[in-house]
N, C-alpha and C. Protein backbone atom coordinates (compact mmCIF):
# COMPACT_ATOMS: atom_id res chain seq x y z
N MET A 1 110.13 124.62 99.42
CA MET A 1 109.51 123.41 99.92
C MET A 1 110.64 122.30 99.84
N THR A 2 110.49 121.19 100.84
CA THR A 2 111.39 120.21 100.96
C THR A 2 111.40 119.26 99.78
N GLU A 3 112.35 119.01 99.00
CA GLU A 3 112.18 117.89 97.74
C GLU A 3 112.31 116.60 98.60
N PHE A 4 111.64 115.63 98.02
CA PHE A 4 111.78 114.18 98.57
C PHE A 4 111.24 113.49 97.33
N THR A 5 111.75 112.15 97.37
CA THR A 5 111.41 111.20 96.20
C THR A 5 109.82 110.79 96.30
N ILE A 6 109.13 110.85 95.20
CA ILE A 6 107.65 110.53 95.27
C ILE A 6 107.69 109.03 95.03
N ALA A 7 107.12 108.24 96.05
CA ALA A 7 107.07 106.87 95.78
C ALA A 7 105.88 106.53 95.02
N ARG A 8 105.99 105.46 94.48
CA ARG A 8 104.89 104.81 93.40
C ARG A 8 103.69 104.74 94.21
N SER A 9 103.61 104.58 95.47
CA SER A 9 102.39 104.48 96.08
C SER A 9 102.61 104.72 97.75
N GLU A 10 101.81 105.63 98.04
CA GLU A 10 102.07 106.16 99.65
C GLU A 10 100.73 106.15 100.35
N LEU A 11 100.88 105.52 101.63
CA LEU A 11 99.73 105.69 102.49
C LEU A 11 100.13 106.67 103.51
N ILE A 12 99.30 107.59 103.53
CA ILE A 12 99.57 108.72 104.70
C ILE A 12 98.45 108.54 105.70
N LEU A 13 98.85 108.25 107.02
CA LEU A 13 97.76 107.98 108.06
C LEU A 13 98.14 108.95 109.13
N GLY A 14 96.99 109.26 109.90
CA GLY A 14 97.17 110.07 111.00
C GLY A 14 95.88 110.55 111.52
N GLY A 15 95.74 111.14 112.73
CA GLY A 15 94.58 111.60 113.28
C GLY A 15 93.86 112.78 112.63
N GLN A 16 92.78 113.26 113.12
CA GLN A 16 91.93 114.47 112.43
C GLN A 16 92.91 115.69 112.64
N LYS A 17 93.20 116.31 111.63
CA LYS A 17 93.75 117.51 111.69
C LYS A 17 95.21 117.40 112.13
N SER A 18 95.70 116.16 111.58
CA SER A 18 97.22 116.07 112.04
C SER A 18 98.13 116.53 110.55
N GLY A 19 97.67 116.95 109.55
CA GLY A 19 98.44 117.23 108.36
C GLY A 19 98.45 116.23 107.29
N LYS A 20 97.42 115.17 107.26
CA LYS A 20 97.31 114.28 106.14
C LYS A 20 97.08 114.74 104.69
N SER A 21 96.12 115.63 104.64
CA SER A 21 95.62 116.11 103.41
C SER A 21 96.72 117.00 102.89
N ARG A 22 97.30 117.77 103.77
CA ARG A 22 98.34 118.87 103.39
C ARG A 22 99.53 118.12 102.75
N ARG A 23 99.98 117.10 103.40
CA ARG A 23 101.01 116.22 102.93
C ARG A 23 100.77 115.64 101.70
N ALA A 24 99.61 115.05 101.51
CA ALA A 24 99.03 114.69 100.06
C ALA A 24 99.50 115.63 98.99
N GLU A 25 98.69 116.98 99.46
CA GLU A 25 98.76 118.16 98.50
C GLU A 25 100.12 118.43 98.15
N LEU A 26 101.06 118.47 99.17
CA LEU A 26 102.48 118.84 98.77
C LEU A 26 103.23 117.84 98.04
N ILE A 27 102.77 116.65 98.10
CA ILE A 27 103.37 115.43 97.18
C ILE A 27 102.76 115.82 95.74
N ALA A 28 101.44 116.20 95.75
CA ALA A 28 101.13 116.32 94.36
C ALA A 28 101.42 117.63 93.62
N ARG A 29 101.60 118.84 94.57
CA ARG A 29 102.24 120.00 93.83
C ARG A 29 103.54 119.65 93.49
N GLN A 30 104.53 118.86 94.34
CA GLN A 30 105.86 118.68 93.87
C GLN A 30 105.82 117.77 92.72
N TRP A 31 104.87 116.97 92.51
CA TRP A 31 104.75 116.06 91.28
C TRP A 31 104.47 116.88 90.01
N VAL A 32 103.43 117.72 90.14
CA VAL A 32 103.20 118.77 88.95
C VAL A 32 104.25 119.69 88.70
N GLN A 33 105.06 120.10 89.46
CA GLN A 33 106.21 120.87 89.35
C GLN A 33 107.34 120.34 88.65
N GLN A 34 107.46 118.79 88.70
CA GLN A 34 108.48 118.32 88.22
C GLN A 34 108.72 118.19 86.54
N SER A 35 107.30 118.06 86.03
CA SER A 35 107.31 118.34 84.50
C SER A 35 106.07 118.94 84.05
N ALA A 36 106.13 119.58 82.68
CA ALA A 36 104.99 120.05 82.23
C ALA A 36 103.99 119.27 81.84
N ASP A 37 104.36 117.96 81.63
CA ASP A 37 103.46 116.93 81.21
C ASP A 37 102.71 116.32 82.47
N HIS A 38 103.12 116.40 83.58
CA HIS A 38 102.66 115.87 85.04
C HIS A 38 101.25 116.44 85.32
N ARG A 39 100.44 115.66 85.82
CA ARG A 39 99.02 116.20 86.05
C ARG A 39 98.68 115.41 87.47
N ALA A 40 97.83 116.21 88.34
CA ALA A 40 97.22 115.38 89.55
C ALA A 40 95.75 115.54 89.52
N VAL A 41 95.26 114.32 90.08
CA VAL A 41 93.81 114.18 90.25
C VAL A 41 93.54 113.93 91.61
N MET A 42 92.48 114.59 92.32
CA MET A 42 92.02 113.87 93.47
C MET A 42 90.73 113.42 93.54
N ILE A 43 90.73 112.37 93.94
CA ILE A 43 89.46 111.48 94.11
C ILE A 43 88.82 111.56 95.65
N ALA A 44 88.01 112.27 95.72
CA ALA A 44 87.33 112.65 96.84
C ALA A 44 86.21 111.52 97.18
N THR A 45 86.28 111.31 98.53
CA THR A 45 85.15 109.97 98.73
C THR A 45 84.11 110.57 99.70
N ALA A 46 84.12 112.02 100.21
CA ALA A 46 83.07 112.31 101.03
C ALA A 46 81.98 112.69 100.49
N GLN A 47 81.01 112.63 101.14
CA GLN A 47 79.70 112.78 100.65
C GLN A 47 78.84 113.87 101.57
N PRO A 48 78.29 114.83 100.98
CA PRO A 48 77.70 116.17 101.83
C PRO A 48 76.53 115.73 102.31
N TRP A 49 76.41 114.96 103.42
CA TRP A 49 75.08 114.63 104.02
C TRP A 49 74.62 115.64 104.89
N ASP A 50 75.35 116.67 105.40
CA ASP A 50 74.58 117.81 106.25
C ASP A 50 75.21 119.15 105.89
N ASP A 51 74.72 120.30 106.34
CA ASP A 51 75.36 121.54 106.31
C ASP A 51 76.64 121.75 106.46
N GLU A 52 77.00 121.25 107.75
CA GLU A 52 78.61 121.17 108.06
C GLU A 52 79.42 120.59 107.19
N MET A 53 79.05 119.41 106.66
CA MET A 53 79.89 118.78 105.95
C MET A 53 79.89 119.29 104.40
N ARG A 54 78.81 119.97 103.86
CA ARG A 54 79.09 120.87 102.72
C ARG A 54 79.70 121.86 102.78
N LEU A 55 79.74 122.61 103.86
CA LEU A 55 80.79 123.68 104.03
C LEU A 55 82.20 123.28 104.12
N ARG A 56 82.29 122.21 104.83
CA ARG A 56 83.83 121.78 104.94
C ARG A 56 84.21 121.14 103.75
N ILE A 57 83.55 120.70 102.80
CA ILE A 57 84.02 120.24 101.51
C ILE A 57 84.29 121.40 100.46
N ALA A 58 83.44 122.41 100.58
CA ALA A 58 83.75 123.72 99.84
C ALA A 58 85.08 124.33 100.35
N ARG A 59 85.22 124.26 101.70
CA ARG A 59 86.40 125.04 102.16
C ARG A 59 87.46 124.15 101.66
N HIS A 60 87.56 122.82 101.92
CA HIS A 60 88.55 122.17 101.20
C HIS A 60 88.99 122.17 99.71
N GLN A 61 87.88 122.32 99.06
CA GLN A 61 88.07 122.66 97.71
C GLN A 61 88.80 123.96 97.24
N GLN A 62 88.44 124.87 98.07
CA GLN A 62 89.16 126.25 97.85
C GLN A 62 90.45 126.26 98.20
N GLU A 63 90.70 125.62 99.36
CA GLU A 63 92.02 125.70 99.81
C GLU A 63 93.00 124.70 99.00
N ARG A 64 92.47 123.64 98.44
CA ARG A 64 93.12 122.96 97.64
C ARG A 64 93.46 123.51 96.26
N ALA A 65 92.51 124.16 95.66
CA ALA A 65 92.89 125.06 94.32
C ALA A 65 93.90 126.01 94.58
N GLU A 66 94.19 126.63 95.80
CA GLU A 66 95.12 127.61 96.15
C GLU A 66 96.43 126.67 96.27
N ARG A 67 96.46 125.69 97.05
CA ARG A 67 97.95 124.97 97.29
C ARG A 67 98.24 124.25 96.03
N VAL A 68 97.31 123.57 95.25
CA VAL A 68 97.73 122.79 94.10
C VAL A 68 96.83 123.30 92.86
N PRO A 69 97.20 124.40 92.35
CA PRO A 69 96.59 124.94 91.21
C PRO A 69 96.70 123.76 89.93
N GLY A 70 95.43 123.88 89.41
CA GLY A 70 95.36 122.77 88.33
C GLY A 70 94.81 121.36 88.75
N MET A 71 95.05 121.01 89.84
CA MET A 71 94.53 119.55 90.39
C MET A 71 93.10 119.50 90.16
N SER A 72 92.71 118.48 89.42
CA SER A 72 91.35 118.15 89.13
C SER A 72 90.61 117.47 90.31
N THR A 73 89.34 117.37 90.58
CA THR A 73 88.73 116.58 91.56
C THR A 73 87.72 115.75 90.98
N VAL A 74 87.63 114.72 91.29
CA VAL A 74 86.67 113.68 91.06
C VAL A 74 85.98 113.22 92.43
N GLU A 75 84.78 113.21 92.34
CA GLU A 75 83.91 112.73 93.72
C GLU A 75 83.67 111.28 93.17
N GLU A 76 83.97 110.51 94.19
CA GLU A 76 83.48 108.96 94.01
C GLU A 76 83.81 108.17 95.35
N PRO A 77 82.48 108.16 95.85
CA PRO A 77 82.24 107.77 97.27
C PRO A 77 82.42 106.26 97.46
N LEU A 78 82.09 105.50 96.36
CA LEU A 78 82.09 103.97 96.40
C LEU A 78 82.88 103.26 95.41
N ALA A 79 83.07 103.51 94.31
CA ALA A 79 83.84 102.90 93.38
C ALA A 79 85.14 103.12 93.26
N LEU A 80 86.19 103.14 94.17
CA LEU A 80 87.30 103.82 94.36
C LEU A 80 88.44 103.02 93.35
N ALA A 81 88.22 101.89 93.30
CA ALA A 81 89.22 100.84 92.60
C ALA A 81 89.01 101.33 91.12
N GLU A 82 87.71 101.58 90.65
CA GLU A 82 87.68 101.78 89.23
C GLU A 82 87.94 103.17 89.13
N ALA A 83 87.88 104.25 89.89
CA ALA A 83 88.30 105.45 89.89
C ALA A 83 89.70 105.57 89.59
N ILE A 84 90.56 104.77 90.44
CA ILE A 84 91.87 104.89 90.34
C ILE A 84 92.27 104.29 89.17
N ALA A 85 91.80 103.39 88.45
CA ALA A 85 92.20 102.65 87.26
C ALA A 85 91.78 103.66 85.99
N GLN A 86 90.81 104.29 86.24
CA GLN A 86 90.20 105.26 85.31
C GLN A 86 91.24 106.52 85.06
N HIS A 87 91.67 107.03 86.31
CA HIS A 87 92.39 108.37 86.25
C HIS A 87 94.08 108.33 86.40
N SER A 88 94.18 106.98 86.56
CA SER A 88 95.83 106.94 86.72
C SER A 88 96.40 106.68 85.42
N THR A 89 97.40 107.55 85.02
CA THR A 89 98.44 107.47 83.84
C THR A 89 99.84 107.49 84.29
N PRO A 90 100.62 107.27 83.49
CA PRO A 90 102.12 107.42 84.10
C PRO A 90 102.49 108.86 84.30
N ALA A 91 101.57 109.64 83.73
CA ALA A 91 101.92 111.36 83.99
C ALA A 91 101.01 111.89 85.05
N THR A 92 100.11 111.00 85.51
CA THR A 92 99.14 111.58 86.45
C THR A 92 99.08 111.02 87.90
N LEU A 93 99.35 111.85 88.88
CA LEU A 93 99.36 111.38 90.29
C LEU A 93 97.97 111.60 90.85
N VAL A 94 97.54 110.29 91.47
CA VAL A 94 96.30 110.21 91.81
C VAL A 94 96.30 110.43 93.43
N VAL A 95 95.56 111.25 93.92
CA VAL A 95 95.42 111.24 95.40
C VAL A 95 93.88 110.91 95.86
N VAL A 96 93.94 110.02 96.79
CA VAL A 96 92.55 109.32 97.34
C VAL A 96 92.44 109.97 98.64
N ASP A 97 91.48 111.00 98.99
CA ASP A 97 91.22 111.40 100.24
C ASP A 97 89.79 111.32 100.55
N CYS A 98 89.27 110.32 101.30
CA CYS A 98 90.28 109.53 102.09
C CYS A 98 89.45 108.31 102.25
N LEU A 99 90.37 107.12 102.62
CA LEU A 99 90.01 105.78 102.76
C LEU A 99 89.08 105.69 103.92
N THR A 100 89.06 106.30 104.92
CA THR A 100 88.12 106.17 106.01
C THR A 100 86.76 106.40 105.65
N LEU A 101 86.66 107.67 105.10
CA LEU A 101 85.02 107.78 104.38
C LEU A 101 84.71 106.86 103.57
N TRP A 102 85.71 106.36 102.61
CA TRP A 102 85.23 105.38 101.56
C TRP A 102 84.66 104.07 102.24
N LEU A 103 85.55 103.66 103.34
CA LEU A 103 85.03 102.55 104.15
C LEU A 103 83.66 102.85 104.81
N THR A 104 83.56 104.03 105.42
CA THR A 104 82.19 104.45 106.14
C THR A 104 81.14 104.45 105.22
N ASN A 105 81.29 104.94 103.81
CA ASN A 105 80.43 104.66 102.64
C ASN A 105 80.21 103.29 102.41
N GLN A 106 80.95 102.18 102.53
CA GLN A 106 80.65 100.94 102.18
C GLN A 106 79.84 100.33 103.43
N LEU A 107 80.41 100.70 104.52
CA LEU A 107 79.73 99.76 105.85
C LEU A 107 78.47 100.53 106.43
N MET A 108 78.42 101.97 106.47
CA MET A 108 77.44 102.50 106.85
C MET A 108 76.67 103.49 105.87
N PRO A 109 76.08 103.15 104.86
CA PRO A 109 75.42 103.89 103.83
C PRO A 109 74.37 104.75 104.65
N ALA A 110 74.13 105.88 103.81
CA ALA A 110 73.09 106.99 104.33
C ALA A 110 71.84 106.43 104.83
N ASP A 111 71.53 105.18 104.31
CA ASP A 111 70.17 104.63 104.54
C ASP A 111 70.50 103.46 105.84
N PHE A 112 71.49 103.78 106.42
CA PHE A 112 71.99 102.76 107.36
C PHE A 112 71.06 102.72 108.69
N GLU A 113 70.62 101.58 109.02
CA GLU A 113 69.47 101.39 110.09
C GLU A 113 70.14 101.49 111.54
N GLN A 114 69.65 102.49 112.31
CA GLN A 114 70.27 102.62 113.80
C GLN A 114 70.20 101.30 114.46
N ASN A 115 71.07 101.10 115.30
CA ASN A 115 70.94 99.73 116.27
C ASN A 115 71.02 98.70 115.49
N SER A 116 71.76 98.60 114.32
CA SER A 116 71.84 97.45 113.54
C SER A 116 73.40 97.41 113.30
N PRO A 117 74.03 96.35 113.32
CA PRO A 117 75.54 96.41 113.00
C PRO A 117 75.74 96.88 111.63
N PRO A 118 77.08 97.30 111.37
CA PRO A 118 77.48 97.73 110.09
C PRO A 118 77.64 96.28 109.16
N ALA A 119 77.46 96.55 107.67
CA ALA A 119 77.51 95.35 106.94
C ALA A 119 79.21 95.13 107.22
N PRO A 120 79.43 93.79 106.81
CA PRO A 120 80.96 93.61 106.79
C PRO A 120 81.56 93.99 105.51
N MET A 121 82.82 94.31 105.68
CA MET A 121 83.49 94.85 104.30
C MET A 121 83.28 93.71 103.29
N ASP A 122 82.97 94.08 102.19
CA ASP A 122 83.25 93.09 101.16
C ASP A 122 84.52 93.12 100.69
N SER A 123 85.22 91.75 100.78
CA SER A 123 86.57 91.31 100.56
C SER A 123 86.95 91.42 99.19
N ALA A 124 85.91 91.22 98.17
CA ALA A 124 86.28 91.38 96.80
C ALA A 124 86.44 93.08 96.52
N ARG A 125 85.89 93.85 97.21
CA ARG A 125 85.99 95.27 96.87
C ARG A 125 87.31 95.77 97.44
N ALA A 126 87.64 95.35 98.58
CA ALA A 126 89.10 95.66 99.13
C ALA A 126 90.15 95.08 98.29
N ALA A 127 89.94 93.98 97.89
CA ALA A 127 90.97 93.22 97.02
C ALA A 127 91.08 93.84 95.61
N SER A 128 90.06 94.48 95.13
CA SER A 128 89.96 95.30 93.94
C SER A 128 90.80 96.56 94.17
N LEU A 129 90.51 97.19 95.51
CA LEU A 129 91.20 98.40 95.62
C LEU A 129 92.80 98.25 95.90
N LEU A 130 93.13 97.07 96.40
CA LEU A 130 94.75 96.82 96.56
C LEU A 130 95.20 96.51 95.02
N ILE A 131 94.57 95.98 94.13
CA ILE A 131 94.92 95.51 93.01
C ILE A 131 95.13 96.98 92.16
N ALA A 132 94.03 97.77 92.26
CA ALA A 132 94.13 99.03 91.60
C ALA A 132 95.31 99.93 91.92
N ILE A 133 95.66 99.81 93.42
CA ILE A 133 96.84 100.63 93.70
C ILE A 133 98.09 99.99 93.19
N SER A 134 98.18 98.68 93.19
CA SER A 134 99.50 98.05 92.73
C SER A 134 99.55 98.13 91.21
N GLN A 135 98.48 98.02 90.64
CA GLN A 135 98.59 98.12 88.86
C GLN A 135 98.55 99.47 88.42
N ALA A 136 98.44 100.60 89.24
CA ALA A 136 98.28 102.05 88.62
C ALA A 136 99.54 102.34 87.98
N PRO A 137 99.44 102.96 86.82
CA PRO A 137 100.53 103.23 86.11
C PRO A 137 101.34 104.44 86.57
N GLY A 138 100.66 105.21 87.25
CA GLY A 138 101.37 106.33 87.98
C GLY A 138 101.20 106.47 89.30
N PRO A 139 101.86 107.40 90.10
CA PRO A 139 102.00 107.29 91.46
C PRO A 139 100.50 107.56 92.12
N VAL A 140 100.30 106.80 93.34
CA VAL A 140 99.00 106.90 93.96
C VAL A 140 99.27 107.35 95.40
N VAL A 141 98.57 108.46 95.85
CA VAL A 141 98.84 108.75 97.36
C VAL A 141 97.45 108.46 97.84
N LEU A 142 97.39 107.72 98.96
CA LEU A 142 96.22 107.43 99.65
C LEU A 142 96.28 108.12 101.09
N VAL A 143 95.13 108.71 101.63
CA VAL A 143 95.07 109.27 102.90
C VAL A 143 94.06 108.46 103.73
N GLY A 144 94.46 108.43 105.00
CA GLY A 144 93.21 107.71 105.76
C GLY A 144 93.62 108.01 107.29
N ASN A 145 92.62 107.77 108.12
CA ASN A 145 92.78 107.84 109.36
C ASN A 145 93.30 106.78 110.25
N GLU A 146 94.08 107.02 111.36
CA GLU A 146 94.54 105.96 112.26
C GLU A 146 93.76 106.39 113.65
N ILE A 147 92.65 105.51 113.62
CA ILE A 147 91.85 105.87 114.73
C ILE A 147 91.79 104.71 115.98
N GLY A 148 92.57 103.83 115.81
CA GLY A 148 92.95 102.71 116.66
C GLY A 148 93.75 103.02 117.90
N LEU A 149 94.28 104.11 117.98
CA LEU A 149 95.17 104.32 119.11
C LEU A 149 94.76 104.73 120.53
N GLY A 150 93.35 105.08 120.41
CA GLY A 150 92.75 105.38 121.73
C GLY A 150 92.08 104.30 122.72
N VAL A 151 91.12 104.70 123.42
CA VAL A 151 90.20 103.86 124.13
C VAL A 151 89.64 102.69 123.22
N ILE A 152 89.20 101.61 123.65
CA ILE A 152 88.33 100.70 122.98
C ILE A 152 86.90 101.34 123.11
N PRO A 153 86.34 101.42 121.94
CA PRO A 153 85.03 102.19 121.94
C PRO A 153 83.90 101.11 122.63
N MET A 154 82.80 101.54 123.28
CA MET A 154 82.03 101.10 124.06
C MET A 154 80.97 100.13 123.00
N GLY A 155 80.36 100.76 122.03
CA GLY A 155 79.52 100.40 121.12
C GLY A 155 80.01 99.28 120.13
N ARG A 156 79.25 98.31 119.78
CA ARG A 156 79.47 97.27 118.82
C ARG A 156 79.75 97.70 117.58
N GLU A 157 78.95 98.74 117.03
CA GLU A 157 79.03 99.25 115.67
C GLU A 157 80.36 100.05 115.43
N VAL A 158 80.80 100.92 116.61
CA VAL A 158 82.09 101.57 116.33
C VAL A 158 83.11 100.72 116.74
N ARG A 159 83.08 99.61 117.39
CA ARG A 159 84.19 98.57 117.48
C ARG A 159 84.35 97.86 116.11
N ALA A 160 83.32 97.50 115.64
CA ALA A 160 83.27 96.92 114.24
C ALA A 160 83.90 97.68 113.06
N PHE A 161 83.55 99.22 113.43
CA PHE A 161 84.01 100.13 112.31
C PHE A 161 85.72 100.09 112.57
N VAL A 162 85.93 100.38 113.89
CA VAL A 162 87.58 100.46 113.97
C VAL A 162 88.39 99.22 113.69
N ASP A 163 87.73 98.08 113.75
CA ASP A 163 88.39 96.83 113.49
C ASP A 163 88.63 96.89 111.93
N ALA A 164 87.53 96.93 111.19
CA ALA A 164 87.50 97.11 109.66
C ALA A 164 88.54 98.03 109.03
N LEU A 165 88.57 99.28 109.77
CA LEU A 165 89.39 100.21 109.22
C LEU A 165 90.83 99.90 109.67
N GLY A 166 91.14 99.30 110.72
CA GLY A 166 92.46 98.69 111.01
C GLY A 166 92.94 97.85 110.18
N ARG A 167 92.02 96.79 109.53
CA ARG A 167 92.33 95.68 108.84
C ARG A 167 92.54 96.36 107.42
N LEU A 168 91.74 97.41 106.99
CA LEU A 168 92.07 98.03 105.67
C LEU A 168 93.20 98.71 105.78
N ASN A 169 93.62 99.42 106.84
CA ASN A 169 94.77 100.22 106.76
C ASN A 169 96.04 99.21 106.60
N GLN A 170 96.00 98.00 107.40
CA GLN A 170 97.19 97.19 107.29
C GLN A 170 97.40 96.57 105.75
N GLN A 171 96.16 96.29 105.12
CA GLN A 171 96.16 95.74 103.92
C GLN A 171 96.87 96.82 102.79
N VAL A 172 96.29 98.06 102.93
CA VAL A 172 96.77 99.17 102.03
C VAL A 172 98.29 99.30 102.48
N ALA A 173 98.61 99.31 103.65
CA ALA A 173 100.19 99.57 103.95
C ALA A 173 101.02 98.32 103.48
N ALA A 174 100.39 97.33 103.43
CA ALA A 174 101.11 96.20 102.98
C ALA A 174 101.45 96.31 101.35
N THR A 175 100.38 96.88 100.78
CA THR A 175 100.55 97.19 99.28
C THR A 175 101.22 98.26 98.80
N CYS A 176 101.36 99.63 99.70
CA CYS A 176 102.02 100.70 99.48
C CYS A 176 103.55 100.44 99.62
N GLU A 177 104.24 101.38 98.94
CA GLU A 177 105.59 101.44 98.74
C GLU A 177 105.95 102.04 100.05
N ARG A 178 105.31 103.33 100.29
CA ARG A 178 105.71 104.01 101.39
C ARG A 178 104.41 104.17 102.19
N VAL A 179 104.79 104.18 103.57
CA VAL A 179 103.64 104.59 104.59
C VAL A 179 104.21 105.69 105.40
N THR A 180 103.40 106.72 105.58
CA THR A 180 103.92 108.00 106.51
C THR A 180 102.83 108.03 107.61
N LEU A 181 103.02 108.26 108.79
CA LEU A 181 102.35 108.60 109.96
C LEU A 181 102.49 109.97 110.13
N MET A 182 101.41 111.03 110.16
CA MET A 182 101.42 112.30 110.34
C MET A 182 100.89 112.51 111.73
N ALA A 183 101.51 113.48 112.27
CA ALA A 183 101.41 113.82 113.85
C ALA A 183 101.72 115.26 113.85
N ALA A 184 100.85 116.06 114.35
CA ALA A 184 101.17 117.91 114.45
C ALA A 184 101.60 118.10 113.37
N GLY A 185 101.50 117.75 112.16
CA GLY A 185 101.95 118.35 111.01
C GLY A 185 103.14 117.81 110.61
N LEU A 186 103.65 116.85 111.22
CA LEU A 186 105.15 116.21 111.02
C LEU A 186 105.18 114.88 110.47
N PRO A 187 105.71 114.60 109.47
CA PRO A 187 105.71 113.20 108.80
C PRO A 187 106.69 112.17 109.63
N LEU A 188 106.21 111.01 109.92
CA LEU A 188 107.11 110.02 110.45
C LEU A 188 106.93 108.94 109.46
N THR A 189 108.09 108.44 108.65
CA THR A 189 108.24 107.66 107.75
C THR A 189 108.00 106.00 108.63
N LEU A 190 107.17 105.24 108.40
CA LEU A 190 106.94 103.92 108.96
C LEU A 190 107.57 102.84 107.97
N LYS A 191 107.53 103.27 106.53
CA LYS A 191 107.93 102.20 105.57
C LYS A 191 108.37 103.16 104.36
N ALA A 192 109.31 102.82 103.92
CA ALA A 192 110.09 103.40 102.71
C ALA A 192 110.52 102.62 101.73
N PRO A 193 110.51 103.09 100.46
CA PRO A 193 111.00 102.26 99.30
C PRO A 193 112.40 101.64 99.37
C-alpha cells in the first residue's frame, strides 16, 4: 500500500467507477492502521429506492467490509452536517459517500413531481455542511461525482442539477485541505495542503 499523508479534509471527485470510493477506503484503511485508537466511519447518503439500488448498496457494504475491516456505516441521506458533527472525533476518520446523492436527496426527494423543476438548494444547509467539515475534530473524506465535463444536458431539470452540483463541489473544494480527481483508478491531486 502506498503511504501518503492524510489531509484534515479531502474531497475526492471523479466520474462513475473512476475509483473514488476505493480511494476513500484506502485512506480509511491507512488511518485505522496508523494507531490502535483510530476508527473509521462511513456516512452513506444513498437510499434504496429500487431493487437495483438495494443490490448495489448490499454489494458495496460487503466489499467495504472486506477492504476496511471494522469501519462502521451510518446511513444518513439528509442531515449530513449533523452526522459529521456527531461522528467526528480526533481519533475517527469520517468518510462521506457521496455528496452527489446527498444533493439529489435535497433537490429531488422520492416524492418529486415529474415535469417540475428541482427545488433550489437550501444555502443554509450547504453552509452547515461547510462548517461541519471545517470544524470536524478528525479527518473528513468526501466523495462526489464530477459530472460537468460532458455535453450540456437538454432538460432544464438536469441542467439545474448539474449547476447545483458544480456549485456544491466548488464550495466543498474551497473548504477542503486536499482535492483529488480520480480517473481510471488513478488519483490526480488538484489541491494539496
